[in-house]
N, C-alpha and C. Protein backbone atom coordinates (compact mmCIF):
# COMPACT_ATOMS: atom_id res chain seq x y z
N MET A 1 96.91 78.24 45.78
CA MET A 1 96.20 77.71 46.93
C MET A 1 96.72 76.31 47.22
N THR A 2 96.78 75.96 48.49
CA THR A 2 97.20 74.62 48.84
C THR A 2 96.05 73.65 48.60
N ASN A 3 96.37 72.36 48.60
CA ASN A 3 95.34 71.35 48.38
C ASN A 3 94.23 71.43 49.41
N SER A 4 94.58 71.66 50.69
CA SER A 4 93.54 71.74 51.71
C SER A 4 92.67 72.98 51.52
N THR A 5 93.27 74.08 51.08
CA THR A 5 92.50 75.29 50.82
C THR A 5 91.55 75.07 49.65
N ILE A 6 92.02 74.41 48.63
CA ILE A 6 91.17 74.09 47.48
C ILE A 6 90.02 73.19 47.90
N GLU A 7 90.31 72.22 48.73
CA GLU A 7 89.28 71.30 49.22
C GLU A 7 88.20 72.06 49.99
N ILE A 8 88.62 72.95 50.88
CA ILE A 8 87.67 73.76 51.65
C ILE A 8 86.86 74.64 50.70
N PHE A 9 87.53 75.31 49.78
CA PHE A 9 86.85 76.20 48.84
C PHE A 9 85.80 75.46 48.04
N LYS A 10 86.16 74.34 47.44
CA LYS A 10 85.21 73.64 46.58
C LYS A 10 84.03 73.09 47.38
N ASN A 11 84.30 72.59 48.59
CA ASN A 11 83.22 72.09 49.43
C ASN A 11 82.29 73.22 49.86
N ASN A 12 82.87 74.37 50.22
CA ASN A 12 82.06 75.51 50.64
C ASN A 12 81.24 76.07 49.49
N LEU A 13 81.82 76.11 48.31
CA LEU A 13 81.08 76.59 47.14
C LEU A 13 79.84 75.74 46.94
N LYS A 14 80.01 74.44 46.97
CA LYS A 14 78.87 73.54 46.78
C LYS A 14 77.87 73.70 47.92
N TYR A 15 78.36 73.81 49.15
CA TYR A 15 77.49 73.95 50.32
C TYR A 15 76.63 75.22 50.20
N TYR A 16 77.28 76.36 49.98
CA TYR A 16 76.54 77.62 49.92
C TYR A 16 75.64 77.70 48.68
N ARG A 17 76.07 77.08 47.60
CA ARG A 17 75.22 77.03 46.40
C ARG A 17 73.94 76.25 46.71
N ASN A 18 74.10 75.11 47.37
CA ASN A 18 72.94 74.30 47.74
C ASN A 18 72.07 75.00 48.77
N GLN A 19 72.69 75.72 49.70
CA GLN A 19 71.94 76.48 50.71
C GLN A 19 71.02 77.50 50.04
N ARG A 20 71.46 78.10 48.97
CA ARG A 20 70.66 79.09 48.24
C ARG A 20 69.66 78.42 47.29
N GLY A 21 69.79 77.09 47.14
CA GLY A 21 68.88 76.37 46.25
C GLY A 21 69.24 76.55 44.78
N PHE A 22 70.51 76.87 44.52
CA PHE A 22 70.96 77.09 43.15
C PHE A 22 71.56 75.82 42.55
N THR A 23 71.23 75.57 41.31
CA THR A 23 71.96 74.57 40.53
C THR A 23 73.20 75.27 39.99
N GLN A 24 74.11 74.50 39.42
CA GLN A 24 75.26 75.12 38.77
C GLN A 24 74.79 76.00 37.61
N ASP A 25 73.76 75.58 36.92
CA ASP A 25 73.23 76.37 35.81
C ASP A 25 72.69 77.71 36.29
N LYS A 26 71.98 77.70 37.41
CA LYS A 26 71.42 78.95 37.95
C LYS A 26 72.55 79.89 38.39
N LEU A 27 73.56 79.34 39.09
CA LEU A 27 74.69 80.15 39.52
C LEU A 27 75.43 80.70 38.29
N SER A 28 75.50 79.90 37.26
CA SER A 28 76.12 80.33 36.01
C SER A 28 75.38 81.53 35.42
N GLU A 29 74.06 81.45 35.39
CA GLU A 29 73.24 82.56 34.88
C GLU A 29 73.50 83.85 35.64
N ILE A 30 73.56 83.75 36.97
CA ILE A 30 73.71 84.93 37.82
C ILE A 30 75.10 85.54 37.69
N THR A 31 76.12 84.69 37.64
CA THR A 31 77.50 85.17 37.66
C THR A 31 78.08 85.44 36.29
N GLY A 32 77.54 84.79 35.26
CA GLY A 32 78.13 84.89 33.93
C GLY A 32 79.32 83.96 33.76
N ILE A 33 79.52 83.07 34.73
CA ILE A 33 80.59 82.06 34.67
C ILE A 33 79.95 80.79 34.12
N SER A 34 80.57 80.14 33.17
CA SER A 34 79.95 78.97 32.56
C SER A 34 79.73 77.86 33.59
N SER A 35 78.68 77.09 33.37
CA SER A 35 78.39 75.99 34.29
C SER A 35 79.48 74.93 34.22
N ASP A 36 80.11 74.76 33.07
CA ASP A 36 81.22 73.82 32.95
C ASP A 36 82.38 74.25 33.84
N TYR A 37 82.67 75.56 33.84
CA TYR A 37 83.76 76.10 34.67
C TYR A 37 83.42 75.94 36.15
N LEU A 38 82.16 76.23 36.53
CA LEU A 38 81.75 76.05 37.92
C LEU A 38 81.88 74.59 38.35
N SER A 39 81.52 73.69 37.47
CA SER A 39 81.66 72.27 37.76
C SER A 39 83.12 71.90 37.99
N GLU A 40 84.00 72.44 37.17
CA GLU A 40 85.43 72.16 37.32
C GLU A 40 85.96 72.73 38.63
N ILE A 41 85.46 73.88 39.05
CA ILE A 41 85.86 74.45 40.34
C ILE A 41 85.41 73.51 41.46
N GLU A 42 84.16 73.08 41.43
CA GLU A 42 83.63 72.21 42.49
C GLU A 42 84.32 70.85 42.53
N ARG A 43 84.90 70.45 41.41
CA ARG A 43 85.63 69.17 41.39
C ARG A 43 87.12 69.37 41.67
N GLY A 44 87.53 70.61 41.89
CA GLY A 44 88.93 70.89 42.20
C GLY A 44 89.84 70.86 40.98
N LYS A 45 89.27 70.93 39.79
CA LYS A 45 90.05 70.90 38.55
C LYS A 45 90.53 72.28 38.12
N ARG A 46 89.82 73.33 38.56
CA ARG A 46 90.17 74.71 38.21
C ARG A 46 90.17 75.55 39.47
N THR A 47 90.97 76.59 39.45
CA THR A 47 91.01 77.56 40.54
C THR A 47 90.59 78.90 39.97
N PRO A 48 89.50 79.47 40.49
CA PRO A 48 89.01 80.72 39.91
C PRO A 48 89.88 81.91 40.29
N SER A 49 89.81 82.94 39.46
CA SER A 49 90.47 84.20 39.78
C SER A 49 89.74 84.86 40.94
N PHE A 50 90.39 85.84 41.55
CA PHE A 50 89.75 86.55 42.65
C PHE A 50 88.48 87.25 42.17
N LYS A 51 88.51 87.78 40.96
CA LYS A 51 87.32 88.44 40.39
C LYS A 51 86.15 87.46 40.32
N ARG A 52 86.42 86.24 39.88
CA ARG A 52 85.35 85.24 39.81
C ARG A 52 84.89 84.82 41.20
N MET A 53 85.82 84.74 42.15
CA MET A 53 85.43 84.43 43.53
C MET A 53 84.47 85.48 44.07
N LEU A 54 84.75 86.75 43.75
CA LEU A 54 83.87 87.84 44.19
C LEU A 54 82.49 87.74 43.54
N LEU A 55 82.46 87.40 42.25
CA LEU A 55 81.18 87.22 41.56
C LEU A 55 80.37 86.09 42.20
N ILE A 56 81.05 85.00 42.52
CA ILE A 56 80.38 83.85 43.14
C ILE A 56 79.85 84.22 44.52
N ALA A 57 80.69 84.84 45.34
CA ALA A 57 80.28 85.22 46.70
C ALA A 57 79.11 86.18 46.65
N ASP A 58 79.15 87.14 45.73
CA ASP A 58 78.07 88.11 45.59
C ASP A 58 76.77 87.40 45.22
N ALA A 59 76.83 86.47 44.28
CA ALA A 59 75.65 85.73 43.86
C ALA A 59 75.08 84.88 44.99
N LEU A 60 75.97 84.36 45.84
CA LEU A 60 75.53 83.53 46.96
C LEU A 60 75.16 84.35 48.19
N GLU A 61 75.35 85.68 48.07
CA GLU A 61 75.05 86.62 49.15
C GLU A 61 75.81 86.30 50.43
N ILE A 62 77.12 86.03 50.25
CA ILE A 62 78.02 85.79 51.37
C ILE A 62 79.28 86.62 51.18
N GLU A 63 80.02 86.81 52.25
CA GLU A 63 81.33 87.44 52.16
C GLU A 63 82.29 86.42 51.57
N VAL A 64 83.23 86.86 50.77
CA VAL A 64 84.14 85.95 50.06
C VAL A 64 84.95 85.08 51.03
N TYR A 65 85.28 85.60 52.22
CA TYR A 65 86.07 84.81 53.17
C TYR A 65 85.36 83.52 53.57
N LYS A 66 84.03 83.50 53.52
CA LYS A 66 83.30 82.30 53.91
C LYS A 66 83.58 81.11 52.98
N LEU A 67 84.03 81.41 51.78
CA LEU A 67 84.38 80.32 50.87
C LEU A 67 85.66 79.61 51.29
N PHE A 68 86.43 80.25 52.19
CA PHE A 68 87.70 79.69 52.63
C PHE A 68 87.70 79.22 54.08
N LYS A 69 86.62 79.48 54.78
CA LYS A 69 86.54 79.14 56.21
C LYS A 69 85.85 77.79 56.37
N PRO A 70 86.51 76.84 57.05
CA PRO A 70 85.86 75.54 57.25
C PRO A 70 84.50 75.70 57.94
N ILE A 71 83.53 74.96 57.47
CA ILE A 71 82.18 74.99 58.05
C ILE A 71 82.15 73.99 59.19
N ASP A 72 81.68 74.47 60.34
CA ASP A 72 81.62 73.58 61.53
C ASP A 72 80.56 72.53 61.41
């Protein structure tokens, strides 16, 4: 992923997580992804696999493409 794509992804992850009222710990519980790993994703330190992206999108009840689409 390019830097701008990573920036959009991490910002959208945080946005949609907050929209659902989830903490990183709550999202971790639902997805089975560690809260440390989720934190690293949101800080742009890690890039998740497609499988993990699907788990995250499912937990947030959004289509996976929304994690990559700039929010107006």
